[in-house]
Amino acid sequence: MLNEDMVLSYLAMTAVWKILLVSAVAAAALGRRLAARYNSPTMIAVLFILAVGCVMALTAPPGTSLPASEVIDWYTHGEAYRDLLTSHTMPQDKANIIMFLPIGFLGCLLTRRIFRTIFFGAGFSLAIEVWQTFMGRSGDIMDLRNNTIGAIIGSIAAIIILQMRRKQKLDSTASTRDPSSAATSPARSTACSPPATR
């Protein structure tokens, strides 16, 4: 279980704060540009960059003593979350899935491309595992699988929301359209003009 010593030792790591600071600066500097590239709200782009930074802060620093599973366990004291964590899957597996849900969700809302978002999540997870191996930590192929699953679930949820919003927009457009103009337009187009005299 997560305890105060683990939290303090984690927060005392300068690498964590450097990653979070760089993420905040990148979100402020690149959020609007990234949103304009994909024609999406700026807030979505900013949140996506911050989500990537938070995942890096949890996984990238060498010797991190605050694994993601402990963070999930720390925030999940409710009965529903407790049941989720005590099911057949290992808590570490759930943590890796939950950790990449925001990346898949926000990334798909940003780009509106589900496969591009999934590929980004898988590539980002692979980069983390390779980095952890070089830094003396154990990279795990199961972490890559679970991170990708989290990105897939988040992307699917985003696609569902985008489809619902598109349907609502189409319905509202159809309801506000003037039916009288549509009814009279064929008559105007088919009206015969006086014959030209030679």
C-alpha atoms as a PDB file:
ATOM      1  CA  MET A   1       0.000   0.000   0.000  1.00  0.00           C
ATOM      2  CA  LEU A   2       1.005   3.567  -0.590  1.00  0.00           C
ATOM      3  CA  ASN A   3       2.365   5.339   2.464  1.00  0.00           C
ATOM      4  CA  GLU A   4       3.662   8.772   3.313  1.00  0.00           C
ATOM      5  CA  ASP A   5       7.315   7.798   2.947  1.00  0.00           C
ATOM      6  CA  MET A   6       6.732   6.563  -0.594  1.00  0.00           C
ATOM      7  CA  VAL A   7       4.959   9.775  -1.555  1.00  0.00           C
ATOM      8  CA  LEU A   8       7.672  11.975  -0.060  1.00  0.00           C
ATOM      9  CA  SER A   9      10.475  10.001  -1.687  1.00  0.00           C
ATOM     10  CA  TYR A  10       8.709  10.226  -5.014  1.00  0.00           C
ATOM     11  CA  LEU A  11       8.027  13.957  -4.743  1.00  0.00           C
ATOM     12  CA  ALA A  12      11.640  14.530  -3.710  1.00  0.00           C
ATOM     13  CA  MET A  13      12.868  13.288  -7.088  1.00  0.00           C
ATOM     14  CA  THR A  14      13.918  16.242  -9.232  1.00  0.00           C
ATOM     15  CA  ALA A  15      13.323  14.230 -12.406  1.00  0.00           C
ATOM     16  CA  VAL A  16       9.607  14.060 -11.637  1.00  0.00           C
ATOM     17  CA  TRP A  17       9.294  17.814 -11.270  1.00  0.00           C
ATOM     18  CA  LYS A  18      11.400  18.436 -14.369  1.00  0.00           C
ATOM     19  CA  ILE A  19       9.125  16.210 -16.440  1.00  0.00           C
ATOM     20  CA  LEU A  20       5.989  17.888 -15.076  1.00  0.00           C
ATOM     21  CA  LEU A  21       7.471  21.348 -15.670  1.00  0.00           C
ATOM     22  CA  VAL A  22       8.452  20.508 -19.242  1.00  0.00           C
ATOM     23  CA  SER A  23       4.972  19.091 -19.822  1.00  0.00           C
ATOM     24  CA  ALA A  24       3.323  22.264 -18.525  1.00  0.00           C
ATOM     25  CA  VAL A  25       5.547  24.456 -20.709  1.00  0.00           C
ATOM     26  CA  ALA A  26       4.899  22.258 -23.739  1.00  0.00           C
ATOM     27  CA  ALA A  27       1.153  22.344 -23.108  1.00  0.00           C
ATOM     28  CA  ALA A  28       1.186  26.136 -22.897  1.00  0.00           C
ATOM     29  CA  ALA A  29       3.438  26.576 -25.938  1.00  0.00           C
ATOM     30  CA  LEU A  30       2.166  23.853 -28.254  1.00  0.00           C
ATOM     31  CA  GLY A  31      -1.432  23.339 -27.157  1.00  0.00           C
ATOM     32  CA  ARG A  32      -2.944  25.956 -29.462  1.00  0.00           C
ATOM     33  CA  ARG A  33      -0.770  24.926 -32.401  1.00  0.00           C
ATOM     34  CA  LEU A  34      -1.606  21.261 -31.959  1.00  0.00           C
ATOM     35  CA  ALA A  35      -5.302  22.078 -31.683  1.00  0.00           C
ATOM     36  CA  ALA A  36      -5.170  24.169 -34.857  1.00  0.00           C
ATOM     37  CA  ARG A  37      -3.483  21.334 -36.733  1.00  0.00           C
ATOM     38  CA  TYR A  38      -6.337  18.960 -35.997  1.00  0.00           C
ATOM     39  CA  ASN A  39      -9.075  21.625 -35.853  1.00  0.00           C
ATOM     40  CA  SER A  40      -9.897  20.695 -32.259  1.00  0.00           C
ATOM     41  CA  PRO A  41     -10.468  22.699 -29.049  1.00  0.00           C
ATOM     42  CA  THR A  42      -7.306  24.021 -27.457  1.00  0.00           C
ATOM     43  CA  MET A  43      -8.259  22.579 -24.069  1.00  0.00           C
ATOM     44  CA  ILE A  44      -8.263  19.047 -25.505  1.00  0.00           C
ATOM     45  CA  ALA A  45      -4.740  19.509 -26.871  1.00  0.00           C
ATOM     46  CA  VAL A  46      -3.482  20.971 -23.584  1.00  0.00           C
ATOM     47  CA  LEU A  47      -4.985  18.134 -21.552  1.00  0.00           C
ATOM     48  CA  PHE A  48      -3.507  15.564 -23.944  1.00  0.00           C
ATOM     49  CA  ILE A  49       0.002  16.970 -23.541  1.00  0.00           C
ATOM     50  CA  LEU A  50      -0.412  17.073 -19.757  1.00  0.00           C
ATOM     51  CA  ALA A  51      -1.661  13.465 -19.726  1.00  0.00           C
ATOM     52  CA  VAL A  52       1.427  12.350 -21.625  1.00  0.00           C
ATOM     53  CA  GLY A  53       3.595  14.275 -19.177  1.00  0.00           C
ATOM     54  CA  CYS A  54       1.920  12.708 -16.146  1.00  0.00           C
ATOM     55  CA  VAL A  55       2.480   9.211 -17.549  1.00  0.00           C
ATOM     56  CA  MET A  56       6.134  10.051 -18.138  1.00  0.00           C
ATOM     57  CA  ALA A  57       6.439  11.380 -14.588  1.00  0.00           C
ATOM     58  CA  LEU A  58       5.047   8.102 -13.240  1.00  0.00           C
ATOM     59  CA  THR A  59       7.140   5.785 -15.373  1.00  0.00           C
ATOM     60  CA  ALA A  60      10.222   7.461 -16.817  1.00  0.00           C
ATOM     61  CA  PRO A  61      12.281   8.678 -13.807  1.00  0.00           C
ATOM     62  CA  PRO A  62      15.015   6.181 -12.862  1.00  0.00           C
ATOM     63  CA  GLY A  63      14.458   4.458  -9.557  1.00  0.00           C
ATOM     64  CA  THR A  64      10.893   5.692  -9.152  1.00  0.00           C
ATOM     65  CA  SER A  65       9.552   4.287  -5.888  1.00  0.00           C
ATOM     66  CA  LEU A  66       5.921   5.148  -6.614  1.00  0.00           C
ATOM     67  CA  PRO A  67       4.611   2.626  -9.170  1.00  0.00           C
ATOM     68  CA  ALA A  68       1.421   3.370 -10.989  1.00  0.00           C
ATOM     69  CA  SER A  69      -0.390   0.519  -9.260  1.00  0.00           C
ATOM     70  CA  GLU A  70       0.242   2.171  -5.881  1.00  0.00           C
ATOM     71  CA  VAL A  71      -1.161   5.449  -7.164  1.00  0.00           C
ATOM     72  CA  ILE A  72      -4.301   3.724  -8.394  1.00  0.00           C
ATOM     73  CA  ASP A  73      -4.665   1.923  -5.083  1.00  0.00           C
ATOM     74  CA  TRP A  74      -4.186   5.185  -3.200  1.00  0.00           C
ATOM     75  CA  TYR A  75      -7.079   6.884  -4.981  1.00  0.00           C
ATOM     76  CA  THR A  76      -9.437   3.916  -5.040  1.00  0.00           C
ATOM     77  CA  HIS A  77     -10.783   3.335  -1.549  1.00  0.00           C
ATOM     78  CA  GLY A  78     -14.422   3.107  -2.651  1.00  0.00           C
ATOM     79  CA  GLU A  79     -16.145  -0.264  -2.790  1.00  0.00           C
ATOM     80  CA  ALA A  80     -16.559  -0.192  -6.575  1.00  0.00           C
ATOM     81  CA  TYR A  81     -12.887   0.515  -7.109  1.00  0.00           C
ATOM     82  CA  ARG A  82     -11.924  -2.037  -4.473  1.00  0.00           C
ATOM     83  CA  ASP A  83     -13.937  -4.692  -6.317  1.00  0.00           C
ATOM     84  CA  LEU A  84     -12.202  -3.705  -9.546  1.00  0.00           C
ATOM     85  CA  LEU A  85      -8.771  -4.036  -8.010  1.00  0.00           C
ATOM     86  CA  THR A  86      -9.480  -7.358  -6.354  1.00  0.00           C
ATOM     87  CA  SER A  87     -10.820  -9.127  -9.469  1.00  0.00           C
ATOM     88  CA  HIS A  88      -8.924 -11.767 -11.403  1.00  0.00           C
ATOM     89  CA  THR A  89      -6.530  -9.341 -13.085  1.00  0.00           C
ATOM     90  CA  MET A  90      -3.459  -8.212 -11.171  1.00  0.00           C
ATOM     91  CA  PRO A  91      -3.574  -4.615  -9.810  1.00  0.00           C
ATOM     92  CA  GLN A  92      -0.457  -3.737 -11.816  1.00  0.00           C
ATOM     93  CA  ASP A  93      -2.263  -4.770 -14.996  1.00  0.00           C
ATOM     94  CA  LYS A  94      -5.241  -2.550 -14.123  1.00  0.00           C
ATOM     95  CA  ALA A  95      -2.947   0.333 -13.306  1.00  0.00           C
ATOM     96  CA  ASN A  96      -1.254   0.130 -16.693  1.00  0.00           C
ATOM     97  CA  ILE A  97      -4.621   0.008 -18.438  1.00  0.00           C
ATOM     98  CA  ILE A  98      -6.102   2.912 -16.465  1.00  0.00           C
ATOM     99  CA  MET A  99      -2.931   4.975 -16.886  1.00  0.00           C
ATOM    100  CA  PHE A 100      -3.321   5.037 -20.685  1.00  0.00           C
ATOM    101  CA  LEU A 101      -7.077   5.626 -20.761  1.00  0.00           C
ATOM    102  CA  PRO A 102      -6.687   9.445 -20.799  1.00  0.00           C
ATOM    103  CA  ILE A 103      -4.080   9.245 -23.570  1.00  0.00           C
ATOM    104  CA  GLY A 104      -6.379   7.184 -25.764  1.00  0.00           C
ATOM    105  CA  PHE A 105      -9.443   9.251 -24.903  1.00  0.00           C
ATOM    106  CA  LEU A 106      -7.917  12.711 -25.289  1.00  0.00           C
ATOM    107  CA  GLY A 107      -5.758  11.694 -28.241  1.00  0.00           C
ATOM    108  CA  CYS A 108      -8.756  10.430 -30.171  1.00  0.00           C
ATOM    109  CA  LEU A 109     -10.811  13.509 -29.294  1.00  0.00           C
ATOM    110  CA  LEU A 110      -7.911  15.598 -30.577  1.00  0.00           C
ATOM    111  CA  THR A 111      -7.122  13.808 -33.832  1.00  0.00           C
ATOM    112  CA  ARG A 112     -10.459  12.031 -34.481  1.00  0.00           C
ATOM    113  CA  ARG A 113      -8.351   9.135 -35.755  1.00  0.00           C
ATOM    114  CA  ILE A 114      -8.695   5.977 -33.690  1.00  0.00           C
ATOM    115  CA  PHE A 115      -5.894   3.972 -35.317  1.00  0.00           C
ATOM    116  CA  ARG A 116      -3.457   6.860 -35.183  1.00  0.00           C
ATOM    117  CA  THR A 117      -4.198   7.287 -31.489  1.00  0.00           C
ATOM    118  CA  ILE A 118      -3.780   3.576 -30.757  1.00  0.00           C
ATOM    119  CA  PHE A 119      -0.491   3.480 -32.643  1.00  0.00           C
ATOM    120  CA  PHE A 120       0.698   6.494 -30.679  1.00  0.00           C
ATOM    121  CA  GLY A 121      -0.252   4.838 -27.382  1.00  0.00           C
ATOM    122  CA  ALA A 122       1.515   1.605 -28.323  1.00  0.00           C
ATOM    123  CA  GLY A 123       4.607   3.458 -29.543  1.00  0.00           C
ATOM    124  CA  PHE A 124       4.694   5.655 -26.453  1.00  0.00           C
ATOM    125  CA  SER A 125       4.424   2.607 -24.207  1.00  0.00           C
ATOM    126  CA  LEU A 126       7.180   0.841 -26.151  1.00  0.00           C
ATOM    127  CA  ALA A 127       9.428   3.876 -25.753  1.00  0.00           C
ATOM    128  CA  ILE A 128       8.804   3.859 -21.995  1.00  0.00           C
ATOM    129  CA  GLU A 129       9.628   0.162 -21.697  1.00  0.00           C
ATOM    130  CA  VAL A 130      12.842   0.583 -23.710  1.00  0.00           C
ATOM    131  CA  TRP A 131      13.789   3.591 -21.590  1.00  0.00           C
ATOM    132  CA  GLN A 132      13.165   1.693 -18.381  1.00  0.00           C
ATOM    133  CA  THR A 133      15.358  -1.172 -19.608  1.00  0.00           C
ATOM    134  CA  PHE A 134      18.249   1.186 -20.337  1.00  0.00           C
ATOM    135  CA  MET A 135      17.805   2.866 -16.947  1.00  0.00           C
ATOM    136  CA  GLY A 136      18.148  -0.412 -15.074  1.00  0.00           C
ATOM    137  CA  ARG A 137      14.458  -0.980 -14.482  1.00  0.00           C
ATOM    138  CA  SER A 138      12.573  -3.980 -15.769  1.00  0.00           C
ATOM    139  CA  GLY A 139      10.729  -3.423 -19.022  1.00  0.00           C
ATOM    140  CA  ASP A 140       7.782  -5.776 -19.425  1.00  0.00           C
ATOM    141  CA  ILE A 141       5.951  -6.820 -22.576  1.00  0.00           C
ATOM    142  CA  MET A 142       2.803  -7.213 -20.466  1.00  0.00           C
ATOM    143  CA  ASP A 143       2.980  -3.537 -19.579  1.00  0.00           C
ATOM    144  CA  LEU A 144       3.113  -2.732 -23.300  1.00  0.00           C
ATOM    145  CA  ARG A 145       0.060  -4.907 -23.892  1.00  0.00           C
ATOM    146  CA  ASN A 146      -1.925  -3.364 -21.035  1.00  0.00           C
ATOM    147  CA  ASN A 147      -0.974   0.195 -21.975  1.00  0.00           C
ATOM    148  CA  THR A 148      -2.156  -0.472 -25.514  1.00  0.00           C
ATOM    149  CA  ILE A 149      -5.418  -1.916 -24.204  1.00  0.00           C
ATOM    150  CA  GLY A 150      -5.929   1.253 -22.175  1.00  0.00           C
ATOM    151  CA  ALA A 151      -5.317   3.395 -25.262  1.00  0.00           C
ATOM    152  CA  ILE A 152      -7.783   1.261 -27.242  1.00  0.00           C
ATOM    153  CA  ILE A 153     -10.513   1.551 -24.594  1.00  0.00           C
ATOM    154  CA  GLY A 154     -10.010   5.297 -24.287  1.00  0.00           C
ATOM    155  CA  SER A 155     -10.097   5.717 -28.077  1.00  0.00           C
ATOM    156  CA  ILE A 156     -13.302   3.714 -28.389  1.00  0.00           C
ATOM    157  CA  ALA A 157     -14.936   5.839 -25.693  1.00  0.00           C
ATOM    158  CA  ALA A 158     -13.866   9.006 -27.534  1.00  0.00           C
ATOM    159  CA  ILE A 159     -15.218   7.720 -30.859  1.00  0.00           C
ATOM    160  CA  ILE A 160     -18.571   6.962 -29.219  1.00  0.00           C
ATOM    161  CA  ILE A 161     -18.762  10.503 -27.832  1.00  0.00           C
ATOM    162  CA  LEU A 162     -17.761  12.014 -31.183  1.00  0.00           C
ATOM    163  CA  GLN A 163     -20.424   9.997 -32.993  1.00  0.00           C
ATOM    164  CA  MET A 164     -23.059  11.068 -30.471  1.00  0.00           C
ATOM    165  CA  ARG A 165     -22.087  14.725 -30.861  1.00  0.00           C
ATOM    166  CA  ARG A 166     -22.167  14.424 -34.649  1.00  0.00           C
ATOM    167  CA  LYS A 167     -25.612  12.859 -34.542  1.00  0.00           C
ATOM    168  CA  GLN A 168     -26.894  15.601 -32.253  1.00  0.00           C
ATOM    169  CA  LYS A 169     -25.487  18.250 -34.588  1.00  0.00           C
ATOM    170  CA  LEU A 170     -27.127  16.636 -37.612  1.00  0.00           C
ATOM    171  CA  ASP A 171     -30.436  16.373 -35.772  1.00  0.00           C
ATOM    172  CA  SER A 172     -30.317  20.003 -34.690  1.00  0.00           C
ATOM    173  CA  THR A 173     -29.440  21.106 -38.217  1.00  0.00           C
ATOM    174  CA  ALA A 174     -32.312  19.113 -39.658  1.00  0.00           C
ATOM    175  CA  SER A 175     -34.756  20.506 -37.113  1.00  0.00           C
ATOM    176  CA  THR A 176     -33.784  24.124 -37.769  1.00  0.00           C
ATOM    177  CA  ARG A 177     -34.007  23.794 -41.546  1.00  0.00           C
ATOM    178  CA  ASP A 178     -37.008  25.693 -43.028  1.00  0.00           C
ATOM    179  CA  PRO A 179     -39.342  23.124 -44.630  1.00  0.00           C
ATOM    180  CA  SER A 180     -41.258  25.786 -46.612  1.00  0.00           C
ATOM    181  CA  SER A 181     -38.159  26.811 -48.560  1.00  0.00           C
ATOM    182  CA  ALA A 182     -37.422  23.208 -49.429  1.00  0.00           C
ATOM    183  CA  ALA A 183     -41.017  22.750 -50.617  1.00  0.00           C
ATOM    184  CA  THR A 184     -41.081  25.843 -52.811  1.00  0.00           C
ATOM    185  CA  SER A 185     -37.611  25.491 -54.302  1.00  0.00           C
ATOM    186  CA  PRO A 186     -38.615  22.787 -56.858  1.00  0.00           C
ATOM    187  CA  ALA A 187     -41.505  24.950 -58.043  1.00  0.00           C
ATOM    188  CA  ARG A 188     -39.166  27.844 -58.623  1.00  0.00           C
ATOM    189  CA  SER A 189     -36.692  25.740 -60.514  1.00  0.00           C
ATOM    190  CA  THR A 190     -39.347  24.137 -62.718  1.00  0.00           C
ATOM    191  CA  ALA A 191     -41.317  27.297 -63.451  1.00  0.00           C
ATOM    192  CA  CYS A 192     -41.541  27.906 -67.200  1.00  0.00           C
ATOM    193  CA  SER A 193     -40.303  31.188 -68.522  1.00  0.00           C
ATOM    194  CA  PRO A 194     -42.150  32.875 -71.351  1.00  0.00           C
ATOM    195  CA  PRO A 195     -41.103  31.556 -74.728  1.00  0.00           C
ATOM    196  CA  ALA A 196     -38.649  33.680 -76.540  1.00  0.00           C
ATOM    197  CA  THR A 197     -39.967  35.392 -79.655  1.00  0.00           C
ATOM    198  CA  ARG A 198     -37.901  35.270 -82.758  1.00  0.00           C
END
